[in-house]
């Protein structure tokens, strides 16, 4: 748990009292072992549905929730893909608000947290009837959230965006829409794969550049799953599962990002990281990459390609690949 000044724990006295009351109600309001939070009790019980979340917990949620909070980029992406506009979101990795590729759809949604965790006070103020908690595993924070509204962990250890979309569809009463989206995605992926011509089966590298330097995306993350759907090969260590979300490289190891095709970018199209990316392109080690020499490099939106990802991100990546590599 982080300090008392962390965004996910900071509470005013009034908000703390409200949360304490909610916790007390959720603890004594029912003899059931249900772990879903206080707002599913009483007159709404007949309208509840039970879903199994990504952690394996059974959670009672309203059949048609109207006020949804999305506590991860993937949750936001999934909800918007299913035509549900959340009443609160957590800022994306390296972002002040929603990821750039979702900015237009999410421009009026208040920020109620960050990658480090939710701001409990702001979540309370939003008065949600369901909370999509992404991959949140902090039991103390989850307990606070469950006292506010039914809370669903939507992302498991595989971080599979397809599984997450299915869970979110069930929570939001949009299972048919989620299934239709996934079917449409498969159709688009097959069409893009066919459009690749001689580039089908090529090796593809994905890297991100920031103030910390260059990092590559290994297996076990969103973008690697999408590239696998397209049948691409990955170079070197990108075939292996990484220890974290991305793997940092020194300039001396820059050859690790080389491949037939290279997709590289920063988390933001403007600001310090974008300026630093210009420096990378001026380095001799970068210029010596085969992909650079062949002009097989594409600058990408890192908030879409190299972050947590999601349903709409996956479709957009297909479009980016087809534009760059399609015949």
Protein backbone atom coordinates (compact mmCIF):
# COMPACT_ATOMS: atom_id res chain seq x y z
CA UNK A 1 0.00 0.00 0.00
CA UNK A 2 1.30 3.43 -0.85
CA UNK A 3 1.38 6.46 1.42
CA UNK A 4 -1.66 8.36 2.68
CA UNK A 5 -1.10 10.93 -0.03
CA UNK A 6 -1.50 8.34 -2.81
CA UNK A 7 -4.33 9.05 -5.32
CA UNK A 8 -5.96 5.75 -4.42
CA UNK A 9 -6.17 6.37 -0.66
CA UNK A 10 -6.63 10.12 -0.29
CA UNK A 11 -9.96 10.88 1.46
CA UNK A 12 -11.56 13.94 2.99
CA UNK A 13 -13.14 13.52 6.42
CA UNK A 14 -16.64 13.51 4.91
CA UNK A 15 -15.71 10.98 2.24
CA UNK A 16 -13.99 8.78 4.82
CA UNK A 17 -17.13 8.80 6.97
CA UNK A 18 -19.27 7.94 3.94
CA UNK A 19 -16.97 5.10 3.01
CA UNK A 20 -16.91 3.80 6.59
CA UNK A 21 -20.71 3.74 6.62
CA UNK A 22 -20.77 1.90 3.30
CA UNK A 23 -18.27 -0.65 4.59
CA UNK A 24 -20.39 -1.23 7.69
CA UNK A 25 -23.53 -1.73 5.60
CA UNK A 26 -21.82 -4.12 3.23
CA UNK A 27 -20.49 -6.14 6.17
CA UNK A 28 -23.79 -6.60 8.00
CA UNK A 29 -26.48 -6.13 5.34
CA UNK A 30 -26.72 -9.79 4.31
CA UNK A 31 -25.89 -13.30 5.45
CA UNK A 32 -24.80 -14.15 1.90
CA UNK A 33 -21.16 -14.78 1.07
CA UNK A 34 -21.59 -12.50 -1.96
CA UNK A 35 -18.56 -10.23 -2.38
CA UNK A 36 -20.14 -7.64 -4.65
CA UNK A 37 -20.70 -4.57 -2.45
CA UNK A 38 -23.66 -2.88 -0.80
CA UNK A 39 -25.52 -1.37 -3.73
CA UNK A 40 -26.88 -4.74 -4.95
CA UNK A 41 -28.98 -5.30 -1.84
CA UNK A 42 -32.65 -4.59 -1.16
CA UNK A 43 -35.09 -3.51 -3.84
CA UNK A 44 -32.62 -4.02 -6.71
CA UNK A 45 -31.87 -7.65 -5.81
CA UNK A 46 -34.41 -9.06 -8.30
CA UNK A 47 -32.72 -7.15 -11.10
CA UNK A 48 -29.21 -8.32 -10.28
CA UNK A 49 -27.20 -10.81 -12.30
CA UNK A 50 -24.20 -12.80 -11.09
CA UNK A 51 -20.99 -12.80 -13.08
CA UNK A 52 -17.69 -14.56 -12.50
CA UNK A 53 -14.88 -12.05 -12.73
CA UNK A 54 -11.27 -12.52 -13.88
CA UNK A 55 -10.16 -13.43 -10.35
CA UNK A 56 -12.75 -16.21 -10.15
CA UNK A 57 -14.99 -14.31 -7.71
CA UNK A 58 -18.76 -14.28 -8.19
CA UNK A 59 -20.11 -10.73 -8.20
CA UNK A 60 -23.72 -9.54 -8.25
CA UNK A 61 -24.17 -6.56 -10.56
CA UNK A 62 -27.19 -4.59 -11.79
CA UNK A 63 -28.67 -6.14 -14.93
CA UNK A 64 -28.29 -2.89 -16.85
CA UNK A 65 -25.82 -0.60 -15.06
CA UNK A 66 -26.08 3.07 -15.97
CA UNK A 67 -23.14 4.62 -14.12
CA UNK A 68 -19.96 2.72 -14.85
CA UNK A 69 -16.44 3.50 -13.64
CA UNK A 70 -13.51 2.21 -15.70
CA UNK A 71 -10.32 1.83 -13.68
CA UNK A 72 -8.02 0.73 -16.51
CA UNK A 73 -7.34 1.63 -20.13
CA UNK A 74 -8.68 -1.76 -21.20
CA UNK A 75 -11.91 -1.24 -19.24
CA UNK A 76 -12.42 2.15 -20.84
CA UNK A 77 -11.74 0.72 -24.30
CA UNK A 78 -14.13 -2.21 -23.73
CA UNK A 79 -16.96 -0.07 -22.37
CA UNK A 80 -16.73 2.42 -25.25
CA UNK A 81 -16.51 -0.42 -27.77
CA UNK A 82 -19.80 -1.70 -26.34
CA UNK A 83 -21.37 1.79 -26.60
CA UNK A 84 -21.36 2.46 -22.86
CA UNK A 85 -19.83 5.76 -21.77
CA UNK A 86 -18.33 5.53 -18.24
CA UNK A 87 -18.87 8.24 -15.63
CA UNK A 88 -15.22 8.02 -14.53
CA UNK A 89 -11.91 6.74 -15.85
CA UNK A 90 -8.33 6.20 -14.73
CA UNK A 91 -5.68 8.05 -16.70
CA UNK A 92 -3.73 5.88 -19.12
CA UNK A 93 -0.06 5.01 -18.83
CA UNK A 94 1.91 8.21 -19.47
CA UNK A 95 -1.32 10.16 -20.01
CA UNK A 96 -3.18 12.88 -18.11
CA UNK A 97 -6.49 11.35 -19.15
CA UNK A 98 -7.67 8.71 -21.59
CA UNK A 99 -5.17 7.15 -24.03
CA UNK A 100 -4.73 9.29 -27.14
CA UNK A 101 -6.58 6.86 -29.41
CA UNK A 102 -9.68 7.12 -27.18
CA UNK A 103 -9.38 10.84 -26.41
CA UNK A 104 -12.27 11.99 -28.61
CA UNK A 105 -14.68 9.35 -27.31
CA UNK A 106 -13.69 9.99 -23.69
CA UNK A 107 -13.13 13.77 -23.63
CA UNK A 108 -15.98 14.55 -21.21
CA UNK A 109 -15.33 11.68 -18.78
CA UNK A 110 -13.89 12.77 -15.39
CA UNK A 111 -10.57 11.28 -14.26
CA UNK A 112 -10.97 9.33 -11.01
CA UNK A 113 -7.56 7.67 -10.78
CA UNK A 114 -4.24 6.85 -12.39
CA UNK A 115 -2.11 3.82 -13.25
CA UNK A 116 -1.05 3.79 -9.58
CA UNK A 117 -4.65 3.29 -8.44
CA UNK A 118 -8.07 4.92 -8.01
CA UNK A 119 -8.80 8.08 -6.06
CA UNK A 120 -11.41 6.68 -3.68
CA UNK A 121 -12.89 10.10 -2.94
CA UNK A 122 -13.51 10.78 -6.63
CA UNK A 123 -14.96 7.31 -7.15
CA UNK A 124 -17.39 8.02 -4.28
CA UNK A 125 -18.39 11.34 -5.84
CA UNK A 126 -19.21 9.66 -9.15
CA UNK A 127 -21.83 7.44 -7.42
CA UNK A 128 -21.30 4.45 -9.72
CA UNK A 129 -23.57 1.42 -9.82
CA UNK A 130 -20.71 -0.80 -11.03
CA UNK A 131 -16.91 -0.52 -11.05
CA UNK A 132 -14.68 -2.18 -13.65
CA UNK A 133 -11.45 -2.72 -11.71
CA UNK A 134 -9.13 -3.92 -14.46
CA UNK A 135 -6.28 -6.00 -13.02
CA UNK A 136 -6.41 -4.39 -9.57
CA UNK A 137 -5.21 -6.88 -6.97
CA UNK A 138 -4.75 -4.72 -3.85
CA UNK A 139 -7.28 -6.31 -1.48
CA UNK A 140 -7.54 -3.24 0.76
CA UNK A 141 -8.38 -0.98 -2.19
CA UNK A 142 -10.79 -3.57 -3.61
CA UNK A 143 -12.57 -3.68 -0.24
CA UNK A 144 -13.01 0.11 -0.33
CA UNK A 145 -14.35 -0.05 -3.89
CA UNK A 146 -16.75 -2.90 -3.12
CA UNK A 147 -18.24 -0.80 -0.34
CA UNK A 148 -19.12 1.83 -2.94
CA UNK A 149 -20.52 -0.39 -5.69
CA UNK A 150 -20.22 -3.93 -7.14
CA UNK A 151 -16.61 -4.23 -8.25
CA UNK A 152 -15.47 -6.55 -11.02
CA UNK A 153 -11.86 -7.52 -11.78
CA UNK A 154 -11.91 -7.72 -15.58
CA UNK A 155 -8.30 -8.62 -16.46
CA UNK A 156 -6.58 -11.88 -15.50
CA UNK A 157 -2.88 -12.69 -15.48
CA UNK A 158 -2.84 -13.32 -19.23
CA UNK A 159 -4.04 -9.74 -19.86
CA UNK A 160 -6.07 -11.18 -22.75
CA UNK A 161 -8.18 -8.34 -24.15
CA UNK A 162 -10.68 -10.79 -25.65
CA UNK A 163 -11.42 -12.43 -22.30
CA UNK A 164 -11.68 -9.00 -20.70
CA UNK A 165 -14.16 -7.82 -23.33
CA UNK A 166 -16.33 -10.89 -22.74
CA UNK A 167 -16.39 -10.28 -18.97
CA UNK A 168 -17.15 -6.58 -19.47
CA UNK A 169 -19.91 -7.47 -21.93
CA UNK A 170 -21.50 -9.72 -19.34
CA UNK A 171 -21.25 -7.04 -16.64
CA UNK A 172 -22.76 -4.35 -18.84
CA UNK A 173 -25.52 -6.54 -20.26
CA UNK A 174 -23.80 -6.44 -23.65
CA UNK A 175 -22.69 -10.05 -24.15
CA UNK A 176 -24.18 -10.24 -27.65
CA UNK A 177 -22.42 -7.04 -28.65
CA UNK A 178 -19.10 -8.36 -27.27
CA UNK A 179 -19.47 -11.59 -29.25
CA UNK A 180 -20.29 -9.63 -32.40
CA UNK A 181 -17.23 -7.42 -31.89
CA UNK A 182 -14.92 -10.42 -31.52
CA UNK A 183 -16.38 -12.09 -34.61
CA UNK A 184 -15.87 -8.88 -36.58
CA UNK A 185 -12.30 -8.63 -35.29
CA UNK A 186 -11.52 -12.17 -36.47
CA UNK A 187 -12.91 -11.32 -39.90
CA UNK A 188 -10.80 -8.16 -40.12
CA UNK A 189 -7.66 -9.96 -38.91
CA UNK A 190 -8.11 -12.61 -41.63
CA UNK A 191 -8.57 -9.89 -44.26
CA UNK A 192 -5.45 -8.00 -43.14
CA UNK A 193 -3.43 -11.21 -43.09
CA UNK A 194 -4.51 -11.87 -46.67
CA UNK A 195 -3.59 -8.32 -47.71
CA UNK A 196 0.01 -8.76 -46.56
CA UNK A 197 1.07 -10.73 -49.62
CA UNK A 198 4.80 -11.48 -49.46
CA UNK A 199 4.97 -9.79 -46.05
CA UNK A 200 2.85 -12.51 -44.44
CA UNK A 201 4.98 -14.32 -41.88
CA UNK A 202 7.56 -11.52 -41.73
CA UNK A 203 9.35 -10.72 -38.48
CA UNK A 204 7.87 -7.71 -36.70
CA UNK A 205 9.42 -5.77 -33.83
CA UNK A 206 7.58 -3.38 -31.49
CA UNK A 207 9.48 -0.89 -29.37
CA UNK A 208 8.80 2.16 -27.25
CA UNK A 209 11.06 5.13 -26.59
CA UNK A 210 10.96 7.37 -23.52
CA UNK A 211 13.21 9.33 -21.18
CA UNK A 212 14.29 5.94 -19.80
CA UNK A 213 15.48 4.84 -23.24
CA UNK A 214 14.34 2.12 -25.62
CA UNK A 215 12.20 -0.84 -24.56
CA UNK A 216 10.83 -3.81 -26.50
CA UNK A 217 7.49 -5.55 -26.10
CA UNK A 218 7.85 -9.25 -25.36
CA UNK A 219 5.23 -11.98 -25.05
CA UNK A 220 2.38 -11.78 -22.56
CA UNK A 221 1.27 -8.26 -23.52
CA UNK A 222 -1.54 -6.94 -25.70
CA UNK A 223 0.40 -6.11 -28.85
CA UNK A 224 2.10 -9.50 -28.98
CA UNK A 225 -1.32 -11.18 -28.92
CA UNK A 226 -2.53 -9.09 -31.87
CA UNK A 227 0.62 -9.76 -33.88
CA UNK A 228 0.21 -13.48 -33.14
CA UNK A 229 -3.30 -13.31 -34.62
CA UNK A 230 -1.68 -12.01 -37.83
CA UNK A 231 0.86 -14.83 -37.93
CA UNK A 232 3.96 -12.66 -37.60
CA UNK A 233 7.32 -13.86 -36.32
CA UNK A 234 9.08 -11.92 -33.56
CA UNK A 235 12.85 -11.38 -33.34
CA UNK A 236 15.12 -12.52 -30.50
CA UNK A 237 13.88 -11.89 -26.98
CA UNK A 238 10.49 -10.75 -28.29
CA UNK A 239 9.63 -14.43 -28.64
CA UNK A 240 9.90 -14.85 -24.88
CA UNK A 241 7.73 -13.65 -22.02
CA UNK A 242 9.17 -10.59 -20.32
CA UNK A 243 9.44 -9.97 -16.60
CA UNK A 244 7.48 -6.72 -16.84
CA UNK A 245 5.27 -4.86 -19.29
CA UNK A 246 8.27 -3.95 -21.49
CA UNK A 247 11.98 -4.74 -21.48
CA UNK A 248 14.51 -1.86 -21.39
CA UNK A 249 17.54 -1.91 -23.69
CA UNK A 250 20.77 0.05 -23.77
CA UNK A 251 21.94 1.76 -26.96
CA UNK A 252 24.54 -1.01 -27.24
CA UNK A 253 21.69 -3.56 -27.42
CA UNK A 254 19.58 -1.59 -29.89
CA UNK A 255 20.03 -4.38 -32.44
CA UNK A 256 17.44 -6.26 -30.37
CA UNK A 257 14.67 -4.12 -31.88
CA UNK A 258 15.66 -4.96 -35.46
CA UNK A 259 13.37 -7.08 -37.67
CA UNK A 260 11.91 -7.15 -41.17
CA UNK A 261 9.53 -4.44 -39.98
CA UNK A 262 9.81 -2.13 -36.98
CA UNK A 263 6.93 -0.31 -35.26
CA UNK A 264 8.19 2.20 -32.72
CA UNK A 265 6.85 5.25 -30.91
CA UNK A 266 6.26 7.03 -27.63
CA UNK A 267 3.30 7.12 -25.24
CA UNK A 268 2.47 10.67 -26.32
CA UNK A 269 2.68 12.38 -29.70
CA UNK A 270 3.71 15.65 -28.06
CA UNK A 271 5.91 16.58 -25.13
CA UNK A 272 9.33 15.48 -23.84
CA UNK A 273 9.15 11.85 -24.98
CA UNK A 274 8.26 12.84 -28.54
CA UNK A 275 11.25 15.20 -28.64
CA UNK A 276 13.52 12.47 -27.27
CA UNK A 277 12.38 10.14 -30.04
CA UNK A 278 13.91 12.54 -32.54
CA UNK A 279 17.22 12.03 -30.74
CA UNK A 280 16.93 8.26 -31.07
CA UNK A 281 16.45 8.54 -34.83
CA UNK A 282 19.68 10.52 -35.02
CA UNK A 283 21.78 7.85 -33.31
CA UNK A 284 24.18 5.76 -35.40
CA UNK A 285 22.98 2.48 -33.81
CA UNK A 286 19.41 3.26 -34.88
CA UNK A 287 20.39 4.23 -38.42
CA UNK A 288 22.26 0.92 -38.81
CA UNK A 289 19.15 -1.21 -38.21
CA UNK A 290 18.09 -3.19 -41.28
CA UNK A 291 14.47 -2.10 -40.89
CA UNK A 292 15.58 1.54 -40.91
CA UNK A 293 17.81 1.08 -43.95
CA UNK A 294 14.94 -0.58 -45.86
CA UNK A 295 12.50 2.12 -44.78
CA UNK A 296 10.42 -0.54 -43.03
CA UNK A 297 9.79 1.55 -39.92
CA UNK A 298 6.47 2.98 -38.78
CA UNK A 299 5.99 5.51 -36.00
CA UNK A 300 3.11 4.39 -33.79
CA UNK A 301 0.82 5.72 -31.09
CA UNK A 302 2.42 4.10 -28.04
CA UNK A 303 -0.72 4.62 -25.94
CA UNK A 304 -2.42 2.19 -28.33
CA UNK A 305 0.35 -0.25 -29.30
CA UNK A 306 2.60 -0.44 -26.24
CA UNK A 307 0.25 0.04 -23.28
CA UNK A 308 -2.52 -2.16 -21.82
CA UNK A 309 -4.55 -2.19 -25.03
CA UNK A 310 -8.12 -3.26 -25.59
CA UNK A 311 -10.79 -4.07 -28.15
CA UNK A 312 -10.72 -0.85 -30.16
CA UNK A 313 -6.94 -0.70 -29.90
CA UNK A 314 -6.73 -4.17 -31.46
CA UNK A 315 -8.85 -3.19 -34.46
CA UNK A 316 -6.87 0.03 -34.89
CA UNK A 317 -3.57 -1.90 -34.80
CA UNK A 318 -4.89 -4.12 -37.62
CA UNK A 319 -5.51 -0.97 -39.64
CA UNK A 320 -2.03 0.39 -38.86
CA UNK A 321 -0.40 -2.88 -39.95
CA UNK A 322 -2.38 -3.05 -43.17
CA UNK A 323 -1.47 0.54 -44.02
CA UNK A 324 2.23 -0.07 -43.36
CA UNK A 325 2.67 -3.57 -44.78
CA UNK A 326 -0.32 -4.41 -46.96
CA UNK A 327 0.10 -4.86 -50.72
